[in-house]
Amino acid sequence: MLLVPAAQLFGLAIGPVAASLLIDGKDFRPVPEFAAASAAASVVLLGLFVLIARRRRAIA
C-alpha cells in the first residue's frame, strides 16, 4: 500500500519522457499508439494483480 503513490508518480514522470522519445520532428503519430498500449498494459497488470490477490486470499 505504501508504494502506490510512488508508482503513480513514477508513471506520471516516465509517460511523457517515453512519449517524447517517439516524437521525430513534427511526426507525433506514434504517441497515441503508445498511450493506448500503456493503457492496455495497465488494465492487464491490474487484472493480474487482482487475480493474484484473490488466489492468495483463497489459499489463506
C-alpha atoms as a PDB file:
ATOM      1  CA  MET A   1       0.000   0.000   0.000  1.00  0.00           C
ATOM      2  CA  LEU A   2       2.817   2.425   0.718  1.00  0.00           C
ATOM      3  CA  LEU A   3       4.310   2.015  -2.754  1.00  0.00           C
ATOM      4  CA  VAL A   4       1.163   3.047  -4.638  1.00  0.00           C
ATOM      5  CA  PRO A   5       1.858   6.811  -4.533  1.00  0.00           C
ATOM      6  CA  ALA A   6       5.450   6.189  -5.607  1.00  0.00           C
ATOM      7  CA  ALA A   7       4.281   4.041  -8.526  1.00  0.00           C
ATOM      8  CA  GLN A   8       1.792   6.712  -9.572  1.00  0.00           C
ATOM      9  CA  LEU A   9       4.458   9.411  -9.507  1.00  0.00           C
ATOM     10  CA  PHE A  10       6.819   7.188 -11.473  1.00  0.00           C
ATOM     11  CA  GLY A  11       4.139   6.590 -14.094  1.00  0.00           C
ATOM     12  CA  LEU A  12       3.357  10.281 -14.346  1.00  0.00           C
ATOM     13  CA  ALA A  13       7.043  11.048 -14.834  1.00  0.00           C
ATOM     14  CA  ILE A  14       8.001   8.226 -17.188  1.00  0.00           C
ATOM     15  CA  GLY A  15       4.987   8.541 -19.523  1.00  0.00           C
ATOM     16  CA  PRO A  16       5.842  11.923 -21.053  1.00  0.00           C
ATOM     17  CA  VAL A  17       9.532  11.050 -21.187  1.00  0.00           C
ATOM     18  CA  ALA A  18       8.851   7.812 -23.065  1.00  0.00           C
ATOM     19  CA  ALA A  19       6.365   9.521 -25.383  1.00  0.00           C
ATOM     20  CA  SER A  20       8.838  12.286 -26.163  1.00  0.00           C
ATOM     21  CA  LEU A  21      11.325   9.685 -27.356  1.00  0.00           C
ATOM     22  CA  LEU A  22       8.808   8.646 -30.015  1.00  0.00           C
ATOM     23  CA  ILE A  23       8.430  12.149 -31.476  1.00  0.00           C
ATOM     24  CA  ASP A  24      10.591  12.749 -34.522  1.00  0.00           C
ATOM     25  CA  GLY A  25      10.439  16.337 -35.687  1.00  0.00           C
ATOM     26  CA  LYS A  26       6.814  17.081 -36.450  1.00  0.00           C
ATOM     27  CA  ASP A  27       5.787  13.416 -36.655  1.00  0.00           C
ATOM     28  CA  PHE A  28       3.897  12.644 -33.452  1.00  0.00           C
ATOM     29  CA  ARG A  29       1.718   9.777 -34.753  1.00  0.00           C
ATOM     30  CA  PRO A  30       3.303   7.070 -32.530  1.00  0.00           C
ATOM     31  CA  VAL A  31       2.331   8.935 -29.344  1.00  0.00           C
ATOM     32  CA  PRO A  32      -1.404   7.957 -29.330  1.00  0.00           C
ATOM     33  CA  GLU A  33      -0.405   4.355 -30.058  1.00  0.00           C
ATOM     34  CA  PHE A  34       1.994   4.470 -27.114  1.00  0.00           C
ATOM     35  CA  ALA A  35      -0.750   5.913 -24.908  1.00  0.00           C
ATOM     36  CA  ALA A  36      -3.166   3.153 -25.954  1.00  0.00           C
ATOM     37  CA  ALA A  37      -0.540   0.471 -25.357  1.00  0.00           C
ATOM     38  CA  SER A  38       0.241   1.929 -21.933  1.00  0.00           C
ATOM     39  CA  ALA A  39      -3.437   1.969 -21.000  1.00  0.00           C
ATOM     40  CA  ALA A  40      -3.872  -1.621 -22.175  1.00  0.00           C
ATOM     41  CA  ALA A  41      -0.808  -2.710 -20.201  1.00  0.00           C
ATOM     42  CA  SER A  42      -2.199  -1.006 -17.095  1.00  0.00           C
ATOM     43  CA  VAL A  43      -5.513  -2.848 -17.431  1.00  0.00           C
ATOM     44  CA  VAL A  44      -3.734  -6.184 -17.927  1.00  0.00           C
ATOM     45  CA  LEU A  45      -1.494  -5.608 -14.918  1.00  0.00           C
ATOM     46  CA  LEU A  46      -4.447  -4.570 -12.770  1.00  0.00           C
ATOM     47  CA  GLY A  47      -6.296  -7.751 -13.736  1.00  0.00           C
ATOM     48  CA  LEU A  48      -3.218  -9.829 -12.979  1.00  0.00           C
ATOM     49  CA  PHE A  49      -2.800  -8.241  -9.563  1.00  0.00           C
ATOM     50  CA  VAL A  50      -6.473  -8.795  -8.740  1.00  0.00           C
ATOM     51  CA  LEU A  51      -6.204 -12.478  -9.704  1.00  0.00           C
ATOM     52  CA  ILE A  52      -3.086 -12.925  -7.583  1.00  0.00           C
ATOM     53  CA  ALA A  53      -4.745 -11.232  -4.602  1.00  0.00           C
ATOM     54  CA  ARG A  54      -7.822 -13.461  -4.923  1.00  0.00           C
ATOM     55  CA  ARG A  55      -5.693 -16.605  -5.086  1.00  0.00           C
ATOM     56  CA  ARG A  56      -3.751 -15.577  -2.004  1.00  0.00           C
ATOM     57  CA  ARG A  57      -6.971 -14.993  -0.088  1.00  0.00           C
ATOM     58  CA  ALA A  58      -8.355 -18.369  -1.199  1.00  0.00           C
ATOM     59  CA  ILE A  59      -5.196 -20.148  -0.035  1.00  0.00           C
ATOM     60  CA  ALA A  60      -5.121 -18.395   3.343  1.00  0.00           C
END
